[in-house]
Protein backbone atom coordinates (compact mmCIF):
# COMPACT_ATOMS: atom_id res chain seq x y z
CA MET A 1 -23.81 24.42 37.21
CA THR A 2 -27.23 22.89 37.90
CA LYS A 3 -27.61 19.54 39.64
CA THR A 4 -28.97 18.00 36.42
CA ASN A 5 -25.96 19.17 34.40
CA SER A 6 -23.63 17.86 37.08
CA ILE A 7 -25.24 14.40 36.89
CA ILE A 8 -25.02 14.40 33.08
CA ILE A 9 -21.31 15.33 33.17
CA LYS A 10 -20.62 12.56 35.71
CA LYS A 11 -22.34 10.01 33.48
CA ILE A 12 -20.43 11.24 30.44
CA LEU A 13 -17.18 10.75 32.37
CA ILE A 14 -18.30 7.25 33.40
CA LEU A 15 -18.98 6.37 29.75
CA PHE A 16 -15.64 7.80 28.65
CA PHE A 17 -13.38 6.16 31.19
CA PHE A 18 -15.23 2.84 31.30
CA GLY A 19 -15.03 2.56 27.52
CA PHE A 20 -11.39 3.63 27.46
CA PHE A 21 -10.33 0.95 29.93
CA LEU A 22 -12.44 -1.68 28.16
CA TYR A 23 -10.60 -1.10 24.90
CA LEU A 24 -7.22 -0.26 26.46
CA PRO A 25 -5.57 -3.50 25.21
CA SER A 26 -6.31 -2.56 21.58
CA LEU A 27 -3.87 0.37 21.88
CA PHE A 28 -1.08 -2.18 21.63
CA PHE A 29 -2.48 -4.14 18.68
CA ASP A 30 -0.71 -4.31 15.33
CA PHE A 31 -2.15 -3.91 11.84
CA SER A 32 -4.48 -6.71 10.72
CA PHE A 33 -3.48 -6.60 7.03
CA PHE A 34 -7.15 -6.44 6.11
CA ASP A 35 -7.46 -3.12 4.22
CA ASP A 36 -5.29 -1.27 6.75
CA ASN A 37 -2.14 -2.36 4.92
CA VAL A 38 -3.51 -0.81 1.71
CA LEU A 39 -5.18 2.24 3.24
CA ILE A 40 -2.22 3.12 5.46
CA LEU A 41 1.04 1.22 4.98
CA GLU A 42 1.06 1.22 1.17
CA HIS A 43 0.03 4.88 1.03
CA LEU A 44 2.21 6.22 3.81
CA GLY A 45 4.09 8.58 1.49
CA PHE A 46 0.80 10.17 0.49
CA LEU A 47 -0.60 10.25 4.02
CA ARG A 48 2.46 11.84 5.61
CA ASN A 49 2.50 14.77 3.18
CA PRO A 50 0.20 17.50 4.61
CA THR A 51 -0.18 19.09 1.17
CA ASN A 52 -2.17 16.02 0.09
CA ILE A 53 -5.12 16.88 2.33
CA PHE A 54 -6.72 18.65 -0.64
CA ASN A 55 -5.92 15.70 -2.95
CA ALA A 56 -7.70 13.33 -0.56
CA PHE A 57 -11.00 14.89 -1.68
CA PHE A 58 -10.34 13.96 -5.29
CA THR A 59 -9.44 10.28 -5.06
CA ASP A 60 -11.00 6.95 -4.26
CA VAL A 61 -10.19 5.87 -0.69
CA PHE A 62 -8.20 2.86 -1.97
CA GLY A 63 -6.62 4.65 -4.91
CA VAL A 64 -4.78 7.62 -3.54
CA TYR A 65 -1.68 6.48 -5.43
CA LEU A 66 -3.11 4.72 -8.45
CA LYS A 67 -5.48 7.50 -9.54
CA LYS A 68 -7.95 4.97 -10.96
CA GLU A 69 -11.70 5.04 -11.10
CA GLY A 70 -12.98 3.54 -7.88
CA PHE A 71 -16.09 2.82 -5.87
CA TYR A 72 -15.53 4.30 -2.44
CA TYR A 73 -15.45 8.07 -2.00
CA ARG A 74 -14.50 8.58 1.65
CA PRO A 75 -12.10 11.54 1.94
CA ILE A 76 -12.71 12.17 5.65
CA LEU A 77 -11.53 8.63 6.41
CA THR A 78 -8.35 9.34 4.43
CA VAL A 79 -7.84 12.65 6.23
CA SER A 80 -8.22 10.90 9.60
CA PHE A 81 -5.47 8.48 8.57
CA MET A 82 -3.32 11.42 7.46
CA ILE A 83 -3.54 12.95 10.93
CA ASP A 84 -2.49 9.66 12.53
CA ALA A 85 0.25 9.06 9.96
CA LEU A 86 1.82 12.47 10.63
CA ILE A 87 2.05 11.58 14.33
CA SER A 88 2.61 7.83 14.25
CA GLY A 89 3.96 6.81 10.84
CA THR A 90 3.98 3.03 10.61
CA HIS A 91 3.41 2.52 14.35
CA PRO A 92 -0.23 1.50 14.95
CA PHE A 93 -0.58 3.01 18.45
CA PHE A 94 -2.09 6.38 17.48
CA TYR A 95 -4.36 4.80 14.86
CA HIS A 96 -5.85 2.60 17.57
CA LEU A 97 -6.03 5.51 20.01
CA SER A 98 -8.02 7.49 17.43
CA ASN A 99 -10.42 4.58 16.98
CA ILE A 100 -11.07 4.40 20.72
CA LEU A 101 -11.57 8.16 21.07
CA ILE A 102 -13.98 8.26 18.11
CA HIS A 103 -16.03 5.45 19.68
CA LEU A 104 -16.10 7.19 23.07
CA LEU A 105 -17.14 10.54 21.58
CA THR A 106 -19.84 8.82 19.54
CA THR A 107 -21.15 7.06 22.66
CA ILE A 108 -21.39 10.42 24.44
CA LEU A 109 -23.37 11.78 21.48
CA VAL A 110 -25.64 8.72 21.64
CA PHE A 111 -26.31 9.59 25.29
CA LEU A 112 -27.07 13.24 24.46
CA PHE A 113 -29.13 12.29 21.42
CA PHE A 114 -31.35 9.92 23.39
CA GLN A 115 -32.09 12.74 25.80
CA LYS A 116 -32.86 15.04 22.86
CA ILE A 117 -35.53 12.64 21.64
CA LYS A 118 -37.18 12.67 25.07
CA PHE A 119 -35.69 9.66 26.82
CA GLU A 120 -35.36 10.03 30.57
CA GLU A 121 -31.75 10.65 31.57
CA LYS A 122 -31.43 7.25 33.30
CA LYS A 123 -32.84 5.33 30.33
CA ALA A 124 -30.58 7.27 27.95
CA PHE A 125 -27.58 6.35 30.10
CA TYR A 126 -28.44 2.64 30.21
CA LEU A 127 -28.96 2.52 26.45
CA SER A 128 -25.66 4.35 25.91
CA LEU A 129 -23.90 1.81 28.12
CA LEU A 130 -25.25 -0.95 25.89
CA PHE A 131 -23.96 0.91 22.84
CA LEU A 132 -20.56 1.51 24.44
CA ILE A 133 -19.78 -2.06 25.40
CA HIS A 134 -21.69 -4.08 22.81
CA PRO A 135 -19.51 -6.84 21.29
CA VAL A 136 -20.95 -6.39 17.79
CA LEU A 137 -19.25 -2.97 17.62
CA THR A 138 -15.83 -4.33 18.60
CA GLN A 139 -14.68 -4.39 14.98
CA ALA A 140 -15.38 -0.66 14.65
CA VAL A 141 -12.94 0.00 17.51
CA ALA A 142 -10.26 -2.71 17.43
CA TRP A 143 -9.91 -2.83 13.62
CA ILE A 144 -8.41 0.42 12.35
CA PRO A 145 -10.50 0.80 9.13
CA GLY A 146 -13.63 0.12 11.23
CA ARG A 147 -13.56 3.80 12.20
CA ASN A 148 -15.32 4.53 8.91
CA ASP A 149 -18.65 3.69 10.54
CA SER A 150 -17.91 5.24 13.93
CA LEU A 151 -16.90 8.50 12.20
CA LEU A 152 -20.11 8.35 10.17
CA ALA A 153 -22.15 7.93 13.36
CA LEU A 154 -20.21 10.69 15.12
CA PHE A 155 -20.95 13.26 12.41
CA PHE A 156 -24.54 12.18 11.81
CA LEU A 157 -25.48 12.23 15.50
CA ALA A 158 -23.88 15.67 15.90
CA SER A 159 -25.82 16.81 12.85
CA PHE A 160 -29.08 15.35 14.22
CA ILE A 161 -28.62 17.01 17.63
CA PHE A 162 -28.16 20.41 15.98
CA PHE A 163 -31.15 19.72 13.72
CA ILE A 164 -33.33 19.16 16.79
CA ASP A 165 -31.88 22.32 18.35
CA PHE A 166 -32.83 24.25 15.23
CA LEU A 167 -36.38 22.89 15.29
CA GLN A 168 -36.74 23.78 18.98
CA LYS A 169 -34.99 27.16 19.12
CA ASN A 170 -35.04 28.30 15.47
CA LYS A 171 -31.42 29.49 15.65
CA ASN A 172 -29.53 29.87 12.37
CA GLN A 173 -26.31 28.84 14.11
CA SER A 174 -27.82 25.43 14.90
CA LEU A 175 -28.94 25.02 11.29
CA LEU A 176 -25.47 25.85 9.95
CA LEU A 177 -23.83 23.40 12.36
CA HIS A 178 -26.39 20.78 11.33
CA PHE A 179 -25.41 21.29 7.69
CA LEU A 180 -21.67 21.26 8.49
CA PHE A 181 -21.77 17.92 10.32
CA LEU A 182 -24.10 16.42 7.72
CA LEU A 183 -21.62 17.40 4.99
CA LEU A 184 -18.81 15.75 6.97
CA ALA A 185 -20.97 12.62 7.24
CA PHE A 186 -21.52 12.62 3.46
CA LEU A 187 -17.75 12.87 2.96
CA THR A 188 -17.20 9.94 5.33
CA LYS A 189 -19.30 7.14 3.83
CA GLU A 190 -21.90 6.72 1.08
CA THR A 191 -24.45 5.13 3.44
CA ILE A 192 -25.36 8.63 4.60
CA VAL A 193 -27.43 9.28 1.45
CA VAL A 194 -30.45 7.94 3.39
CA ALA A 195 -29.95 10.49 6.21
CA PRO A 196 -32.37 13.13 4.85
CA LEU A 197 -35.13 10.49 4.94
CA VAL A 198 -34.40 9.75 8.61
CA LEU A 199 -34.30 13.47 9.45
CA PHE A 200 -37.58 14.15 7.64
CA PHE A 201 -39.12 11.08 9.30
CA TYR A 202 -38.25 12.58 12.69
CA PHE A 203 -39.73 15.97 11.75
CA TRP A 204 -42.95 14.41 10.51
CA PHE A 205 -43.39 12.04 13.48
CA PHE A 206 -42.20 13.99 16.49
CA VAL A 207 -42.46 17.73 15.85
CA LYS A 208 -45.88 18.79 17.10
CA GLU A 209 -45.89 22.40 15.92
CA LYS A 210 -44.51 22.08 12.41
CA ASN A 211 -42.82 25.15 10.99
CA GLU A 212 -42.95 24.93 7.19
CA LYS A 213 -40.14 27.46 6.80
CA GLN A 214 -37.83 25.36 8.99
CA ILE A 215 -38.34 22.17 7.03
CA PHE A 216 -38.14 24.06 3.72
CA LEU A 217 -34.75 25.54 4.69
CA SER A 218 -33.59 22.12 5.87
CA ILE A 219 -34.61 20.37 2.64
CA ILE A 220 -32.89 23.06 0.55
CA GLY A 221 -29.72 22.59 2.62
CA TRP A 222 -29.86 18.79 2.30
CA PHE A 223 -30.29 19.11 -1.46
CA VAL A 224 -27.32 21.50 -1.78
CA ILE A 225 -25.13 19.16 0.32
CA PHE A 226 -26.16 16.17 -1.80
CA ILE A 227 -25.42 17.98 -5.08
CA PHE A 228 -22.06 19.21 -3.76
CA TRP A 229 -21.13 15.68 -2.65
CA PHE A 230 -22.46 14.24 -5.92
CA PHE A 231 -20.15 16.36 -8.08
CA LEU A 232 -17.15 16.00 -5.78
CA ARG A 233 -17.55 12.23 -6.01
CA LEU A 234 -17.89 12.47 -9.78
CA LEU A 235 -14.67 14.49 -10.04
CA ALA A 236 -12.85 12.13 -7.68
CA ILE A 237 -13.66 8.67 -8.99
CA GLY A 238 -15.36 9.15 -12.33
CA ASN A 239 -18.47 7.12 -11.64
CA LEU A 240 -21.53 7.56 -9.48
CA VAL A 241 -23.36 4.26 -9.65
CA TYR A 242 -21.36 1.13 -10.49
CA LEU A 243 -24.46 -1.11 -10.60
CA ASP A 244 -27.58 -0.74 -12.72
CA LYS A 245 -31.06 -0.80 -11.19
CA LYS A 246 -31.54 -4.51 -11.83
CA GLU A 247 -28.20 -5.38 -10.21
CA ILE A 248 -29.04 -3.20 -7.19
CA PHE A 249 -32.40 -4.92 -6.76
CA LEU A 250 -30.90 -8.42 -7.12
CA SER A 251 -28.07 -7.53 -4.73
CA LEU A 252 -30.54 -6.31 -2.09
CA LEU A 253 -32.76 -9.36 -2.58
CA LYS A 254 -29.84 -11.77 -2.30
CA ASN A 255 -28.27 -10.10 0.74
CA PHE A 256 -31.38 -9.05 2.68
CA PRO A 257 -31.26 -12.18 4.92
CA ALA A 258 -28.18 -10.58 6.49
CA VAL A 259 -30.64 -8.40 8.45
CA PHE A 260 -31.44 -11.49 10.52
CA ILE A 261 -27.74 -12.20 11.06
CA PHE A 262 -27.22 -8.72 12.46
CA LEU A 263 -30.33 -9.00 14.64
CA ARG A 264 -29.06 -12.26 16.11
CA LYS A 265 -25.61 -10.81 16.76
CA ILE A 266 -27.09 -7.79 18.52
CA VAL A 267 -29.30 -9.81 20.87
CA PHE A 268 -27.19 -12.99 21.15
CA PRO A 269 -23.58 -12.01 20.36
CA PHE A 270 -22.21 -15.50 21.00
CA LYS A 271 -20.78 -16.27 17.52
CA LEU A 272 -19.02 -13.23 16.18
CA SER A 273 -16.71 -13.23 13.19
CA VAL A 274 -14.08 -10.91 11.79
CA LEU A 275 -15.20 -11.81 8.24
CA PRO A 276 -18.78 -13.16 8.32
CA LEU A 277 -20.57 -14.68 5.32
CA LEU A 278 -24.21 -15.67 4.88
CA SER A 279 -23.17 -19.26 4.18
CA ASP A 280 -21.53 -19.54 7.61
CA GLU A 281 -24.58 -18.26 9.51
CA LYS A 282 -28.05 -19.58 10.39
CA ILE A 283 -30.91 -17.25 9.54
CA PHE A 284 -33.30 -19.07 11.90
CA TYR A 285 -31.83 -17.48 15.03
CA GLY A 286 -32.32 -14.00 13.60
CA GLY A 287 -35.95 -14.82 12.88
CA LEU A 288 -36.35 -16.01 16.47
CA VAL A 289 -34.87 -12.73 17.73
CA LEU A 290 -37.33 -10.75 15.63
CA PHE A 291 -40.20 -12.80 17.05
CA LEU A 292 -39.01 -12.18 20.64
CA ILE A 293 -38.70 -8.44 20.00
CA VAL A 294 -42.25 -8.28 18.61
CA ILE A 295 -43.55 -10.16 21.67
CA GLY A 296 -41.59 -7.85 23.98
CA LEU A 297 -43.07 -4.79 22.27
CA PHE A 298 -46.60 -6.18 22.30
CA TRP A 299 -46.49 -6.89 26.06
CA ASN A 300 -45.36 -3.37 26.92
CA LYS A 301 -48.58 -1.38 27.33
CA LYS A 302 -46.54 1.80 27.92
CA ARG A 303 -44.74 1.58 24.60
CA ASP A 304 -44.35 4.58 22.30
CA ASP A 305 -45.38 3.33 18.85
CA LYS A 306 -43.84 6.33 17.10
CA LYS A 307 -40.44 5.55 18.61
CA ILE A 308 -40.79 1.91 17.57
CA ILE A 309 -41.52 2.83 13.95
CA PHE A 310 -38.80 5.49 13.89
CA GLY A 311 -36.19 3.15 15.41
CA PHE A 312 -37.15 0.32 13.06
CA PHE A 313 -36.74 2.47 9.97
CA TRP A 314 -33.49 3.96 11.32
CA PHE A 315 -32.13 0.43 11.78
CA LEU A 316 -33.05 -0.66 8.26
CA PHE A 317 -32.27 2.60 6.42
CA PHE A 318 -28.63 2.67 7.56
CA LEU A 319 -28.07 -1.08 7.22
CA ILE A 320 -29.62 -1.97 3.87
CA PRO A 321 -27.34 0.23 1.70
CA SER A 322 -24.40 -1.93 2.82
CA PHE A 323 -26.11 -4.89 1.12
CA ILE A 324 -25.66 -3.31 -2.32
CA ARG A 325 -22.54 -5.06 -3.55
CA PRO A 326 -20.91 -5.38 -6.98
CA ASN A 327 -21.66 -8.66 -8.72
CA THR A 328 -18.23 -10.21 -8.21
CA THR A 329 -17.31 -13.87 -8.12
CA SER A 330 -16.35 -13.57 -4.44
CA PRO A 331 -19.11 -14.06 -1.84
CA ALA A 332 -20.27 -10.90 -0.06
CA ASP A 333 -19.11 -10.36 3.49
CA PHE A 334 -21.17 -8.68 6.22
CA LEU A 335 -18.63 -7.08 8.50
CA GLU A 336 -19.99 -6.32 11.95
CA HIS A 337 -18.83 -2.70 12.09
CA ARG A 338 -21.42 -1.87 9.40
CA VAL A 339 -24.22 -2.18 11.98
CA TYR A 340 -22.65 0.63 14.06
CA LEU A 341 -25.07 3.46 13.21
CA SER A 342 -28.00 1.07 12.78
CA LEU A 343 -27.55 -0.07 16.38
CA VAL A 344 -28.82 3.33 17.54
CA GLY A 345 -32.12 2.60 15.80
CA PHE A 346 -32.26 -0.88 17.30
CA LEU A 347 -31.75 0.55 20.80
CA ILE A 348 -34.64 2.96 20.23
CA VAL A 349 -36.85 -0.05 19.44
CA PHE A 350 -35.43 -2.07 22.34
CA SER A 351 -36.24 0.77 24.75
CA GLN A 352 -39.93 0.12 24.10
CA THR A 353 -39.86 -3.58 25.00
CA ILE A 354 -41.34 -4.90 28.23
CA LEU A 355 -37.92 -6.25 29.23
CA PHE A 356 -36.27 -2.82 29.19
CA GLN A 357 -39.30 -1.23 30.85
CA LYS A 358 -39.09 -3.71 33.76
CA VAL A 359 -35.47 -2.67 34.46
CA PHE A 360 -36.83 0.59 35.89
CA GLU A 361 -39.69 -1.01 37.82
CA LYS A 362 -38.21 -3.99 39.68
CA ASN A 363 -34.80 -4.48 41.28
CA ILE A 364 -34.52 -8.06 40.06
CA TYR A 365 -34.71 -6.87 36.43
CA GLN A 366 -32.12 -4.18 37.12
CA LEU A 367 -29.83 -6.85 38.54
CA LEU A 368 -30.37 -8.98 35.43
CA PHE A 369 -29.63 -5.96 33.26
CA PHE A 370 -26.28 -5.33 34.95
CA LEU A 371 -25.40 -9.03 34.81
CA THR A 372 -26.09 -8.87 31.07
CA LEU A 373 -23.85 -5.80 30.81
CA LEU A 374 -21.12 -7.72 32.62
CA LEU A 375 -21.39 -10.64 30.18
CA LEU A 376 -21.25 -8.23 27.23
CA VAL A 377 -18.17 -6.52 28.69
CA VAL A 378 -16.40 -9.87 29.07
CA LYS A 379 -17.33 -10.87 25.50
CA THR A 380 -16.14 -7.53 24.08
CA PHE A 381 -12.92 -7.59 26.08
CA PHE A 382 -11.91 -11.00 24.73
CA HIS A 383 -13.32 -10.55 21.22
CA GLN A 384 -11.07 -7.53 20.62
CA PHE A 385 -8.04 -9.84 20.78
CA ASN A 386 -9.11 -11.37 17.44
CA PHE A 387 -7.73 -8.13 15.98
CA LEU A 388 -4.38 -8.41 17.80
CA ASN A 389 -2.25 -8.79 14.66
CA ARG A 390 -2.39 -10.14 11.13
CA ASP A 391 -1.72 -13.78 12.09
CA VAL A 392 -4.41 -13.85 14.79
CA PHE A 393 -6.89 -11.96 12.61
CA TRP A 394 -6.68 -14.28 9.61
CA GLN A 395 -6.61 -17.40 11.78
CA ALA A 396 -9.85 -16.15 13.36
CA ALA A 397 -11.28 -15.44 9.90
CA VAL A 398 -10.63 -19.03 8.78
CA ASN A 399 -11.95 -20.49 12.04
CA ASN A 400 -15.21 -18.52 12.05
CA SER A 401 -15.80 -18.26 8.30
CA PRO A 402 -14.57 -21.53 6.75
CA ASN A 403 -16.52 -20.81 3.54
CA SER A 404 -14.68 -17.56 2.85
CA PRO A 405 -12.16 -17.86 0.01
CA LEU A 406 -10.73 -14.49 1.05
CA ALA A 407 -10.06 -15.80 4.57
CA HIS A 408 -8.18 -18.84 3.24
CA ARG A 409 -6.27 -16.79 0.69
CA ASN A 410 -5.06 -14.21 3.17
CA PHE A 411 -4.36 -16.75 5.90
CA GLY A 412 -2.17 -18.40 3.28
CA VAL A 413 -0.32 -15.10 2.86
CA MET A 414 0.32 -14.94 6.61
CA LEU A 415 1.65 -18.51 6.55
CA TYR A 416 3.89 -17.59 3.61
CA PHE A 417 5.31 -14.65 5.57
CA ARG A 418 6.16 -17.11 8.35
CA GLY A 419 7.99 -19.39 5.89
CA LYS A 420 5.34 -22.13 5.98
CA LEU A 421 5.15 -22.61 2.21
CA LYS A 422 3.39 -26.00 2.24
CA GLU A 423 0.63 -24.80 4.57
CA ALA A 424 0.30 -21.56 2.59
CA GLU A 425 -0.14 -23.52 -0.64
CA GLU A 426 -2.88 -25.61 1.00
CA GLU A 427 -4.77 -22.45 2.01
CA TYR A 428 -4.52 -20.98 -1.50
CA ARG A 429 -5.90 -24.20 -2.96
CA LYS A 430 -8.76 -24.18 -0.43
CA ALA A 431 -9.59 -20.65 -1.56
CA LEU A 432 -9.62 -21.74 -5.21
CA LYS A 433 -11.72 -24.80 -4.40
CA ILE A 434 -14.39 -22.55 -2.86
CA ASN A 435 -14.06 -19.92 -5.59
CA PRO A 436 -12.07 -20.85 -8.73
CA GLN A 437 -12.09 -17.16 -9.70
CA GLU A 438 -10.63 -15.92 -6.40
CA PRO A 439 -8.41 -12.90 -7.20
CA MET A 440 -4.71 -13.12 -6.23
CA ALA A 441 -4.84 -16.82 -5.28
CA HIS A 442 -3.12 -18.00 -8.48
CA ASN A 443 -0.60 -15.18 -8.19
CA ASN A 444 0.20 -16.25 -4.63
CA LEU A 445 0.65 -19.86 -5.74
CA GLY A 446 2.99 -18.59 -8.44
CA VAL A 447 5.04 -16.73 -5.83
CA ILE A 448 5.53 -20.00 -3.92
CA TYR A 449 6.69 -21.79 -7.09
CA LEU A 450 8.95 -18.84 -7.90
CA LYS A 451 10.51 -19.07 -4.46
CA LYS A 452 11.06 -22.81 -4.96
CA GLY A 453 12.70 -22.15 -8.35
CA ASN A 454 9.96 -23.89 -10.37
CA LEU A 455 9.73 -21.21 -13.06
CA ASN A 456 7.40 -23.08 -15.44
CA LYS A 457 4.76 -23.70 -12.76
CA ALA A 458 5.12 -20.12 -11.56
CA GLU A 459 4.63 -18.82 -15.12
CA ALA A 460 1.46 -20.90 -15.53
CA GLU A 461 -0.02 -19.60 -12.27
CA PHE A 462 0.73 -15.95 -13.08
CA LYS A 463 -0.94 -16.36 -16.49
CA LYS A 464 -4.01 -17.90 -14.83
CA GLU A 465 -4.11 -14.92 -12.47
CA LEU A 466 -4.11 -12.47 -15.38
CA GLU A 467 -7.02 -14.33 -17.00
CA ILE A 468 -9.05 -13.69 -13.84
CA ASN A 469 -7.53 -10.38 -12.84
CA PRO A 470 -6.26 -8.76 -16.08
CA ASN A 471 -5.00 -5.51 -14.53
CA TYR A 472 -3.23 -6.92 -11.47
CA ASP A 473 0.13 -5.16 -11.22
CA ASN A 474 1.79 -7.83 -9.06
CA ALA A 475 0.95 -10.57 -11.58
CA PHE A 476 2.46 -8.50 -14.40
CA PHE A 477 5.59 -7.88 -12.34
CA ASN A 478 5.95 -11.49 -11.21
CA LEU A 479 5.54 -12.78 -14.75
CA GLY A 480 8.21 -10.30 -15.83
CA LEU A 481 10.42 -11.64 -13.04
CA VAL A 482 9.96 -15.20 -14.34
CA TYR A 483 11.08 -14.14 -17.82
CA PHE A 484 13.95 -12.15 -16.33
CA LYS A 485 15.16 -15.26 -14.51
CA LYS A 486 14.78 -17.23 -17.75
CA ASN A 487 16.89 -14.52 -19.47
CA LYS A 488 14.01 -13.72 -21.84
CA LEU A 489 14.72 -10.00 -21.67
CA ASN A 490 12.20 -8.79 -24.26
CA GLU A 491 9.34 -10.61 -22.53
CA ALA A 492 10.56 -9.38 -19.15
CA GLN A 493 10.68 -5.80 -20.46
CA ASP A 494 7.14 -6.13 -21.81
CA TYR A 495 5.67 -7.24 -18.48
CA PHE A 496 7.61 -4.72 -16.40
CA GLU A 497 6.31 -1.97 -18.71
CA ARG A 498 2.77 -3.31 -18.29
CA THR A 499 3.32 -3.17 -14.52
CA ILE A 500 4.16 0.55 -14.48
CA LYS A 501 1.36 1.30 -16.92
CA VAL A 502 -1.12 -0.14 -14.41
CA ASN A 503 0.73 1.22 -11.37
CA PRO A 504 3.13 4.11 -12.09
CA SER A 505 4.46 3.90 -8.51
CA TYR A 506 5.69 0.30 -8.70
CA THR A 507 9.33 0.97 -7.75
CA ASP A 508 10.72 -2.56 -8.25
CA ALA A 509 9.52 -2.58 -11.86
CA TYR A 510 11.56 0.55 -12.65
CA GLN A 511 14.62 -0.97 -10.99
CA LEU A 512 14.42 -4.17 -13.02
CA LEU A 513 13.66 -2.26 -16.22
CA ALA A 514 16.93 -0.41 -15.65
CA VAL A 515 18.73 -3.76 -15.26
CA VAL A 516 17.02 -5.20 -18.37
CA PHE A 517 18.05 -2.24 -20.53
CA GLU A 518 21.59 -2.38 -19.15
CA LYS A 519 21.82 -6.06 -20.11
CA LYS A 520 20.49 -5.21 -23.56
CA GLY A 521 23.15 -2.50 -23.92
CA GLU A 522 20.64 0.37 -23.99
CA LYS A 523 22.39 2.65 -21.50
CA LYS A 524 20.19 5.75 -21.95
CA GLN A 525 17.05 3.79 -21.17
CA ALA A 526 18.79 2.08 -18.26
CA ILE A 527 19.80 5.44 -16.76
CA LYS A 528 16.28 6.83 -17.33
CA TYR A 529 14.59 4.04 -15.38
CA PHE A 530 17.30 4.01 -12.72
CA LEU A 531 16.69 7.72 -12.04
CA ILE A 532 12.91 7.20 -11.87
CA TRP A 533 13.45 4.33 -9.43
CA LYS A 534 15.81 6.41 -7.29
CA ASN A 535 13.35 9.32 -7.20
CA LEU A 536 10.48 7.05 -6.12
CA VAL A 537 12.58 5.44 -3.40
CA ASN A 538 13.58 8.86 -2.05
CA GLN A 539 9.92 9.93 -2.00
């Protein structure tokens, strides 16, 4: 082993163990009940069956049970949950352990990648430290579904490293590994569709002796991977683009100011949120950050303009696709884990500022750099506790994003679980005041009235929910329950049947259908639904 390799291995070990101990508390966190309850807890039967690994590639990430058309084709994320579910079941420990390990492996690849693109080993290490401990990435580690972006970065960086190897050594093995990891990235998250542009950008900007055959083979491979992913996605979820061109343009235009929010959070991570909205942020600070970065770049006479341009486009290319959102009545959120891969591009730009350059020229700047690292470590350490459990998470969401109807609605759910019905009702009404079309809010109000025995008010709320959310299985079931309690058996039967039409796995609906038919004297039907219910429960 050469001295250089020995130093690199030591620094890799430093990154690994430092990061592991930083995020050690998150190993003992619970589920947040923000997507993880749907992705994992509600689909545990699917996830714990190893034969479903193949099926994961033919379903929407949120619809592995419902078999509906969806938006998000992310089979690798589902497979990662399957591995954890087989080991851990409903216990969150191994899910959190996987998140930490994915982040640590990605950080190591960031370190190796920076060296591949000609950063000195020391600079690459310092930049990787920033990536490892940065508070804006906390959500990607401490929140279980946040691994979607860390997995994406892991596969793309591995793919990029092998792409550079192929360009340098012209080995077919490197090209095949590049294609393999790029395919895995495509199967992880849709954002990766911009990756070929970033790869070609690198080839055009940084490869001095351009080999036309190499780039031709690469482009052919990228095209084949895209087509393969394209048709897999089509088979899985039945649609490819859920917005037309005009909607995409308007969505990007409306949400583009979020770039400044992310810039501010990267440079000044003092106001982080588990569920950030544009309306709860100030764009001015992001503009100030951009101005400071430009000044810092301008003052550095040793800057590499190609790296600046490349890093800038990397940052934007991987961030902007997350701004394309369906035109729903709910305000768009800008979750911090979505900047995960973009942060690599930002760090490339930051490496060319006068501030980072001075770190390697004067001891006082190096001291300031390590003091900054210490502050970031402290911020990250404490910020991760906002993901401790569902109560803490949704309390933090309401505190930091008071204009989010989703935050108020789900905080209301947490209060309901704790038996605080009055406070829960207040949160649901806050959600509806912000957004009168907020999905599930009327249903949740109806559940409170149902629990209090006020069947007429409950019925009215469930009907309002179905006006907003016409295919919501819980609203169908709850309305059926109201009629069942009113002894209106035909109406109850109708809504329970609508429930299982929307969601064939809704076990309670089958059970109550069996009871309804028994009360109506239709024994064969009662036995039929009882057996279906029993079979589902056993599964």
